[in-house]
PDB file of all heavy atoms in Angstrom:
ATOM      1  N   ASN A   1       6.669   7.182   2.484  1.00  0.00           N
ATOM      2  CA  ASN A   1       7.986   7.023   2.119  1.00  0.00           C
ATOM      3  C   ASN A   1       8.816   6.073   2.956  1.00  0.00           C
ATOM      4  O   ASN A   1       9.966   5.700   2.539  1.00  0.00           O
ATOM      5  CB  ASN A   1       8.748   8.448   2.212  1.00  0.00           C
ATOM      6  CG  ASN A   1       8.220   9.421   1.139  1.00  0.00           C
ATOM      7  OD1 ASN A   1       7.265   9.241   0.509  1.00  0.00           O
ATOM      8  ND2 ASN A   1       8.901  10.503   1.143  1.00  0.00           N
ATOM      9  N   PHE A   2       8.277   5.657   4.007  1.00  0.00           N
ATOM     10  CA  PHE A   2       9.015   4.605   4.839  1.00  0.00           C
ATOM     11  C   PHE A   2       8.144   3.377   5.185  1.00  0.00           C
ATOM     12  O   PHE A   2       8.870   2.362   5.493  1.00  0.00           O
ATOM     13  CB  PHE A   2       9.324   5.326   6.235  1.00  0.00           C
ATOM     14  CG  PHE A   2      10.416   6.306   6.221  1.00  0.00           C
ATOM     15  CD1 PHE A   2      10.089   7.635   6.018  1.00  0.00           C
ATOM     16  CD2 PHE A   2      11.705   6.074   6.274  1.00  0.00           C
ATOM     17  CE1 PHE A   2      11.055   8.591   5.917  1.00  0.00           C
ATOM     18  CE2 PHE A   2      12.777   6.977   6.243  1.00  0.00           C
ATOM     19  CZ  PHE A   2      12.423   8.228   6.090  1.00  0.00           C
ATOM     20  N   PHE A   3       7.025   3.160   4.934  1.00  0.00           N
ATOM     21  CA  PHE A   3       6.268   2.053   5.301  1.00  0.00           C
ATOM     22  C   PHE A   3       5.440   1.423   4.197  1.00  0.00           C
ATOM     23  O   PHE A   3       5.385   0.185   4.040  1.00  0.00           O
ATOM     24  CB  PHE A   3       5.308   2.308   6.425  1.00  0.00           C
ATOM     25  CG  PHE A   3       5.940   2.564   7.717  1.00  0.00           C
ATOM     26  CD1 PHE A   3       6.306   3.846   8.117  1.00  0.00           C
ATOM     27  CD2 PHE A   3       6.300   1.392   8.574  1.00  0.00           C
ATOM     28  CE1 PHE A   3       6.919   4.009   9.430  1.00  0.00           C
ATOM     29  CE2 PHE A   3       7.000   1.723   9.825  1.00  0.00           C
ATOM     30  CZ  PHE A   3       7.209   2.971  10.144  1.00  0.00           C
ATOM     31  N   LEU A   4       4.791   2.187   3.286  1.00  0.00           N
ATOM     32  CA  LEU A   4       3.906   1.606   2.281  1.00  0.00           C
ATOM     33  C   LEU A   4       4.669   1.409   1.081  1.00  0.00           C
ATOM     34  O   LEU A   4       5.783   1.825   0.701  1.00  0.00           O
ATOM     35  CB  LEU A   4       2.777   2.623   2.000  1.00  0.00           C
ATOM     36  CG  LEU A   4       1.850   2.759   3.145  1.00  0.00           C
ATOM     37  CD1 LEU A   4       0.805   3.862   3.020  1.00  0.00           C
ATOM     38  CD2 LEU A   4       1.114   1.438   3.342  1.00  0.00           C
ATOM     39  N   LEU A   5       3.988   0.632   0.108  1.00  0.00           N
ATOM     40  CA  LEU A   5       4.632   0.100  -1.098  1.00  0.00           C
ATOM     41  C   LEU A   5       4.170   1.040  -2.222  1.00  0.00           C
ATOM     42  O   LEU A   5       2.885   1.117  -2.443  1.00  0.00           O
ATOM     43  CB  LEU A   5       4.264  -1.235  -1.376  1.00  0.00           C
ATOM     44  CG  LEU A   5       4.878  -1.918  -2.679  1.00  0.00           C
ATOM     45  CD1 LEU A   5       6.513  -1.848  -2.710  1.00  0.00           C
ATOM     46  CD2 LEU A   5       4.487  -3.412  -2.776  1.00  0.00           C
ATOM     47  N   ASN A   6       5.131   1.574  -2.908  1.00  0.00           N
ATOM     48  CA  ASN A   6       4.710   2.546  -4.040  1.00  0.00           C
ATOM     49  C   ASN A   6       5.103   1.900  -5.319  1.00  0.00           C
ATOM     50  O   ASN A   6       5.971   1.047  -5.499  1.00  0.00           O
ATOM     51  CB  ASN A   6       5.601   3.825  -3.934  1.00  0.00           C
ATOM     52  CG  ASN A   6       5.246   4.797  -2.776  1.00  0.00           C
ATOM     53  OD1 ASN A   6       4.623   5.721  -2.795  1.00  0.00           O
ATOM     54  ND2 ASN A   6       5.824   4.261  -1.587  1.00  0.00           N
ATOM     55  N   GLU A   7       4.363   2.259  -6.336  1.00  0.00           N
ATOM     56  CA  GLU A   7       4.537   1.807  -7.653  1.00  0.00           C
ATOM     57  C   GLU A   7       3.984   2.690  -8.702  1.00  0.00           C
ATOM     58  O   GLU A   7       2.908   3.308  -8.555  1.00  0.00           O
ATOM     59  CB  GLU A   7       4.002   0.296  -7.882  1.00  0.00           C
ATOM     60  CG  GLU A   7       4.206  -0.342  -9.179  1.00  0.00           C
ATOM     61  CD  GLU A   7       3.605  -1.731  -9.194  1.00  0.00           C
ATOM     62  OE1 GLU A   7       3.868  -2.477  -8.188  1.00  0.00           O
ATOM     63  OE2 GLU A   7       2.790  -2.079 -10.036  1.00  0.00           O
ATOM     64  N   ILE A   8       4.723   2.808  -9.753  1.00  0.00           N
ATOM     65  CA  ILE A   8       4.184   3.636 -10.944  1.00  0.00           C
ATOM     66  C   ILE A   8       3.325   2.832 -11.817  1.00  0.00           C
ATOM     67  O   ILE A   8       3.798   1.826 -12.488  1.00  0.00           O
ATOM     68  CB  ILE A   8       5.318   4.333 -11.751  1.00  0.00           C
ATOM     69  CG1 ILE A   8       6.135   5.212 -10.701  1.00  0.00           C
ATOM     70  CG2 ILE A   8       4.826   5.109 -12.924  1.00  0.00           C
ATOM     71  CD1 ILE A   8       7.331   5.742 -11.502  1.00  0.00           C
ATOM     72  N   VAL A   9       2.005   3.160 -11.936  1.00  0.00           N
ATOM     73  CA  VAL A   9       1.068   2.301 -12.758  1.00  0.00           C
ATOM     74  C   VAL A   9       0.525   3.256 -13.801  1.00  0.00           C
ATOM     75  O   VAL A   9      -0.058   4.241 -13.680  1.00  0.00           O
ATOM     76  CB  VAL A   9      -0.088   1.860 -11.745  1.00  0.00           C
ATOM     77  CG1 VAL A   9      -1.125   1.002 -12.573  1.00  0.00           C
ATOM     78  CG2 VAL A   9       0.409   1.027 -10.554  1.00  0.00           C
ATOM     79  N   GLU A  10       0.768   2.801 -15.052  1.00  0.00           N
ATOM     80  CA  GLU A  10       0.379   3.543 -16.246  1.00  0.00           C
ATOM     81  C   GLU A  10       0.743   5.052 -16.081  1.00  0.00           C
ATOM     82  O   GLU A  10      -0.014   5.916 -16.411  1.00  0.00           O
ATOM     83  CB  GLU A  10      -1.182   3.331 -16.384  1.00  0.00           C
ATOM     84  CG  GLU A  10      -1.692   2.011 -16.579  1.00  0.00           C
ATOM     85  CD  GLU A  10      -3.065   1.880 -16.880  1.00  0.00           C
ATOM     86  OE1 GLU A  10      -3.793   2.880 -16.648  1.00  0.00           O
ATOM     87  OE2 GLU A  10      -3.611   0.866 -17.278  1.00  0.00           O
ATOM     88  N   GLY A  11       2.003   5.175 -15.704  1.00  0.00           N
ATOM     89  CA  GLY A  11       2.542   6.560 -15.704  1.00  0.00           C
ATOM     90  C   GLY A  11       2.234   7.399 -14.446  1.00  0.00           C
ATOM     91  O   GLY A  11       2.734   8.457 -14.345  1.00  0.00           O
ATOM     92  N   GLU A  12       1.517   6.782 -13.589  1.00  0.00           N
ATOM     93  CA  GLU A  12       1.023   7.543 -12.321  1.00  0.00           C
ATOM     94  C   GLU A  12       1.547   6.869 -11.170  1.00  0.00           C
ATOM     95  O   GLU A  12       1.431   5.632 -11.014  1.00  0.00           O
ATOM     96  CB  GLU A  12      -0.511   7.812 -12.365  1.00  0.00           C
ATOM     97  CG  GLU A  12      -1.004   8.728 -13.559  1.00  0.00           C
ATOM     98  CD  GLU A  12      -0.464  10.115 -13.387  1.00  0.00           C
ATOM     99  OE1 GLU A  12      -0.179  10.678 -12.280  1.00  0.00           O
ATOM    100  OE2 GLU A  12      -0.168  10.665 -14.405  1.00  0.00           O
ATOM    101  N   SER A  13       1.907   7.618 -10.128  1.00  0.00           N
ATOM    102  CA  SER A  13       2.243   7.056  -8.823  1.00  0.00           C
ATOM    103  C   SER A  13       1.141   6.530  -8.030  1.00  0.00           C
ATOM    104  O   SER A  13       0.216   7.278  -7.869  1.00  0.00           O
ATOM    105  CB  SER A  13       3.125   8.128  -8.075  1.00  0.00           C
ATOM    106  OG  SER A  13       4.242   8.611  -8.713  1.00  0.00           O
ATOM    107  N   HIS A  14       1.221   5.375  -7.569  1.00  0.00           N
ATOM    108  CA  HIS A  14       0.157   4.730  -6.667  1.00  0.00           C
ATOM    109  C   HIS A  14       0.847   4.101  -5.517  1.00  0.00           C
ATOM    110  O   HIS A  14       1.856   3.724  -5.508  1.00  0.00           O
ATOM    111  CB  HIS A  14      -0.596   3.661  -7.524  1.00  0.00           C
ATOM    112  CG  HIS A  14      -1.528   4.234  -8.478  1.00  0.00           C
ATOM    113  ND1 HIS A  14      -1.136   4.823  -9.669  1.00  0.00           N
ATOM    114  CD2 HIS A  14      -2.837   4.106  -8.470  1.00  0.00           C
ATOM    115  CE1 HIS A  14      -2.243   5.109 -10.385  1.00  0.00           C
ATOM    116  NE2 HIS A  14      -3.286   4.755  -9.658  1.00  0.00           N
ATOM    117  N   LEU A  15       0.020   3.984  -4.507  1.00  0.00           N
ATOM    118  CA  LEU A  15       0.178   3.052  -3.293  1.00  0.00           C
ATOM    119  C   LEU A  15      -0.556   1.687  -3.539  1.00  0.00           C
ATOM    120  O   LEU A  15      -1.624   1.890  -3.948  1.00  0.00           O
ATOM    121  CB  LEU A  15      -0.245   3.702  -2.025  1.00  0.00           C
ATOM    122  CG  LEU A  15       0.348   5.042  -1.641  1.00  0.00           C
ATOM    123  CD1 LEU A  15      -0.303   5.502  -0.343  1.00  0.00           C
ATOM    124  CD2 LEU A  15       1.865   4.962  -1.353  1.00  0.00           C
ATOM    125  N   VAL A  16       0.147   0.594  -3.535  1.00  0.00           N
ATOM    126  CA  VAL A  16      -0.407  -0.535  -3.885  1.00  0.00           C
ATOM    127  C   VAL A  16      -0.706  -1.463  -2.659  1.00  0.00           C
ATOM    128  O   VAL A  16      -0.104  -1.332  -1.619  1.00  0.00           O
ATOM    129  CB  VAL A  16       0.515  -1.466  -5.026  1.00  0.00           C
ATOM    130  CG1 VAL A  16       0.552  -0.577  -6.267  1.00  0.00           C
ATOM    131  CG2 VAL A  16       1.924  -1.602  -4.419  1.00  0.00           C
ATOM    132  N   ILE A  17      -1.377  -2.550  -2.935  1.00  0.00           N
ATOM    133  CA  ILE A  17      -1.820  -3.379  -1.797  1.00  0.00           C
ATOM    134  C   ILE A  17      -0.743  -4.370  -1.558  1.00  0.00           C
ATOM    135  O   ILE A  17      -0.102  -5.078  -2.320  1.00  0.00           O
ATOM    136  CB  ILE A  17      -3.160  -4.214  -2.153  1.00  0.00           C
ATOM    137  CG1 ILE A  17      -4.236  -3.183  -2.472  1.00  0.00           C
ATOM    138  CG2 ILE A  17      -3.626  -5.077  -0.990  1.00  0.00           C
ATOM    139  CD1 ILE A  17      -4.536  -2.236  -1.332  1.00  0.00           C
ATOM    140  N   ASP A  18      -0.433  -4.665  -0.197  1.00  0.00           N
ATOM    141  CA  ASP A  18       0.285  -5.563   0.236  1.00  0.00           C
ATOM    142  C   ASP A  18      -0.148  -6.133   1.522  1.00  0.00           C
ATOM    143  O   ASP A  18      -1.233  -5.579   2.060  1.00  0.00           O
ATOM    144  CB  ASP A  18       1.858  -5.290   0.248  1.00  0.00           C
ATOM    145  CG  ASP A  18       2.152  -4.174   1.306  1.00  0.00           C
ATOM    146  OD1 ASP A  18       1.232  -3.624   2.092  1.00  0.00           O
ATOM    147  OD2 ASP A  18       3.342  -3.820   1.475  1.00  0.00           O
ATOM    148  N   GLU A  19       0.576  -6.948   2.222  1.00  0.00           N
ATOM    149  CA  GLU A  19       0.090  -7.533   3.505  1.00  0.00           C
ATOM    150  C   GLU A  19      -0.087  -6.434   4.517  1.00  0.00           C
ATOM    151  O   GLU A  19      -0.915  -6.577   5.484  1.00  0.00           O
ATOM    152  CB  GLU A  19       1.017  -8.673   4.012  1.00  0.00           C
ATOM    153  CG  GLU A  19       0.451  -9.414   5.176  1.00  0.00           C
ATOM    154  CD  GLU A  19      -0.839 -10.271   4.883  1.00  0.00           C
ATOM    155  OE1 GLU A  19      -0.995 -10.694   3.690  1.00  0.00           O
ATOM    156  OE2 GLU A  19      -1.694 -10.270   5.722  1.00  0.00           O
ATOM    157  N   LEU A  20       0.809  -5.447   4.558  1.00  0.00           N
ATOM    158  CA  LEU A  20       0.758  -4.367   5.607  1.00  0.00           C
ATOM    159  C   LEU A  20      -0.733  -3.629   5.503  1.00  0.00           C
ATOM    160  O   LEU A  20      -1.276  -3.377   6.517  1.00  0.00           O
ATOM    161  CB  LEU A  20       1.911  -3.401   5.507  1.00  0.00           C
ATOM    162  CG  LEU A  20       1.834  -2.226   6.527  1.00  0.00           C
ATOM    163  CD1 LEU A  20       2.063  -2.861   7.983  1.00  0.00           C
ATOM    164  CD2 LEU A  20       3.015  -1.318   6.268  1.00  0.00           C
ATOM    165  N   VAL A  21      -1.117  -3.305   4.243  1.00  0.00           N
ATOM    166  CA  VAL A  21      -2.273  -2.623   3.996  1.00  0.00           C
ATOM    167  C   VAL A  21      -3.366  -3.666   4.307  1.00  0.00           C
ATOM    168  O   VAL A  21      -4.486  -3.183   4.991  1.00  0.00           O
ATOM    169  CB  VAL A  21      -2.430  -2.260   2.549  1.00  0.00           C
ATOM    170  CG1 VAL A  21      -3.847  -1.596   2.226  1.00  0.00           C
ATOM    171  CG2 VAL A  21      -1.336  -1.295   2.156  1.00  0.00           C
ATOM    172  N   ASN A  22      -3.350  -4.895   4.104  1.00  0.00           N
ATOM    173  CA  ASN A  22      -4.358  -5.755   4.344  1.00  0.00           C
ATOM    174  C   ASN A  22      -4.489  -5.948   5.966  1.00  0.00           C
ATOM    175  O   ASN A  22      -5.778  -5.927   6.383  1.00  0.00           O
ATOM    176  CB  ASN A  22      -3.967  -7.282   3.844  1.00  0.00           C
ATOM    177  CG  ASN A  22      -4.983  -8.326   4.212  1.00  0.00           C
ATOM    178  OD1 ASN A  22      -6.150  -8.260   3.971  1.00  0.00           O
ATOM    179  ND2 ASN A  22      -4.442  -9.322   4.861  1.00  0.00           N
ATOM    180  N   GLN A  23      -3.404  -5.925   6.604  1.00  0.00           N
ATOM    181  CA  GLN A  23      -3.550  -6.008   8.155  1.00  0.00           C
ATOM    182  C   GLN A  23      -4.223  -4.678   8.705  1.00  0.00           C
ATOM    183  O   GLN A  23      -4.974  -4.733   9.628  1.00  0.00           O
ATOM    184  CB  GLN A  23      -2.124  -6.218   8.669  1.00  0.00           C
ATOM    185  CG  GLN A  23      -1.508  -7.521   8.361  1.00  0.00           C
ATOM    186  CD  GLN A  23      -2.268  -8.732   9.097  1.00  0.00           C
ATOM    187  OE1 GLN A  23      -2.742  -8.568  10.233  1.00  0.00           O
ATOM    188  NE2 GLN A  23      -2.328  -9.865   8.259  1.00  0.00           N
ATOM    189  N   SER A  24      -3.978  -3.605   8.066  1.00  0.00           N
ATOM    190  CA  SER A  24      -4.479  -2.363   8.473  1.00  0.00           C
ATOM    191  C   SER A  24      -6.023  -2.279   8.353  1.00  0.00           C
ATOM    192  O   SER A  24      -6.722  -1.771   9.164  1.00  0.00           O
ATOM    193  CB  SER A  24      -3.770  -1.105   7.841  1.00  0.00           C
ATOM    194  OG  SER A  24      -2.428  -1.174   8.127  1.00  0.00           O
ATOM    195  N   LEU A  25      -6.441  -2.657   7.094  1.00  0.00           N
ATOM    196  CA  LEU A  25      -7.878  -2.450   6.683  1.00  0.00           C
ATOM    197  C   LEU A  25      -8.736  -3.494   7.257  1.00  0.00           C
ATOM    198  O   LEU A  25      -9.905  -3.245   7.515  1.00  0.00           O
ATOM    199  CB  LEU A  25      -7.932  -2.441   5.186  1.00  0.00           C
ATOM    200  CG  LEU A  25      -7.833  -1.102   4.480  1.00  0.00           C
ATOM    201  CD1 LEU A  25      -6.529  -0.477   4.850  1.00  0.00           C
ATOM    202  CD2 LEU A  25      -8.048  -1.183   2.998  1.00  0.00           C
ATOM    203  N   ASN A  26      -8.251  -4.693   7.614  1.00  0.00           N
ATOM    204  CA  ASN A  26      -9.039  -5.906   7.967  1.00  0.00           C
ATOM    205  C   ASN A  26      -8.906  -6.289   9.412  1.00  0.00           C
ATOM    206  O   ASN A  26      -9.746  -7.070   9.877  1.00  0.00           O
ATOM    207  CB  ASN A  26      -8.841  -7.143   7.091  1.00  0.00           C
ATOM    208  CG  ASN A  26      -9.359  -6.842   5.788  1.00  0.00           C
ATOM    209  OD1 ASN A  26     -10.482  -6.400   5.533  1.00  0.00           O
ATOM    210  ND2 ASN A  26      -8.524  -7.247   4.765  1.00  0.00           N
ATOM    211  N   PHE A  27      -8.026  -5.666  10.021  1.00  0.00           N
ATOM    212  CA  PHE A  27      -7.787  -6.032  11.531  1.00  0.00           C
ATOM    213  C   PHE A  27      -7.561  -4.657  12.378  1.00  0.00           C
ATOM    214  O   PHE A  27      -6.927  -3.767  11.926  1.00  0.00           O
ATOM    215  CB  PHE A  27      -6.615  -6.865  11.732  1.00  0.00           C
ATOM    216  CG  PHE A  27      -6.732  -8.243  10.930  1.00  0.00           C
ATOM    217  CD1 PHE A  27      -6.239  -8.302   9.657  1.00  0.00           C
ATOM    218  CD2 PHE A  27      -7.433  -9.303  11.421  1.00  0.00           C
ATOM    219  CE1 PHE A  27      -6.337  -9.480   8.925  1.00  0.00           C
ATOM    220  CE2 PHE A  27      -7.741 -10.484  10.662  1.00  0.00           C
ATOM    221  CZ  PHE A  27      -7.069 -10.570   9.499  1.00  0.00           C
ATOM    222  N   THR A  28      -8.113  -4.761  13.705  1.00  0.00           N
ATOM    223  CA  THR A  28      -7.756  -3.592  14.481  1.00  0.00           C
ATOM    224  C   THR A  28      -6.332  -3.465  14.897  1.00  0.00           C
ATOM    225  O   THR A  28      -5.608  -4.436  14.647  1.00  0.00           O
ATOM    226  CB  THR A  28      -8.605  -3.741  15.846  1.00  0.00           C
ATOM    227  OG1 THR A  28      -8.205  -4.963  16.392  1.00  0.00           O
ATOM    228  CG2 THR A  28     -10.048  -3.723  15.468  1.00  0.00           C
ATOM    229  N   HIS A  29      -5.901  -2.302  15.390  1.00  0.00           N
ATOM    230  CA  HIS A  29      -4.613  -2.055  15.713  1.00  0.00           C
ATOM    231  C   HIS A  29      -4.186  -3.036  16.937  1.00  0.00           C
ATOM    232  O   HIS A  29      -5.026  -3.152  17.750  1.00  0.00           O
ATOM    233  CB  HIS A  29      -4.210  -0.681  16.207  1.00  0.00           C
ATOM    234  CG  HIS A  29      -2.868  -0.415  16.697  1.00  0.00           C
ATOM    235  ND1 HIS A  29      -2.665  -0.355  18.066  1.00  0.00           N
ATOM    236  CD2 HIS A  29      -1.594  -0.335  16.134  1.00  0.00           C
ATOM    237  CE1 HIS A  29      -1.373  -0.347  18.214  1.00  0.00           C
ATOM    238  NE2 HIS A  29      -0.678  -0.319  17.147  1.00  0.00           N
TER     239      HIS A  29
END
């Protein structure tokens, strides 16, 4: 609710990819 990007896709709520997610998944903290 405060950091990730939400979007309703085909009627369902999703968390979508953006640069914050990319940095989390591909790089260490």
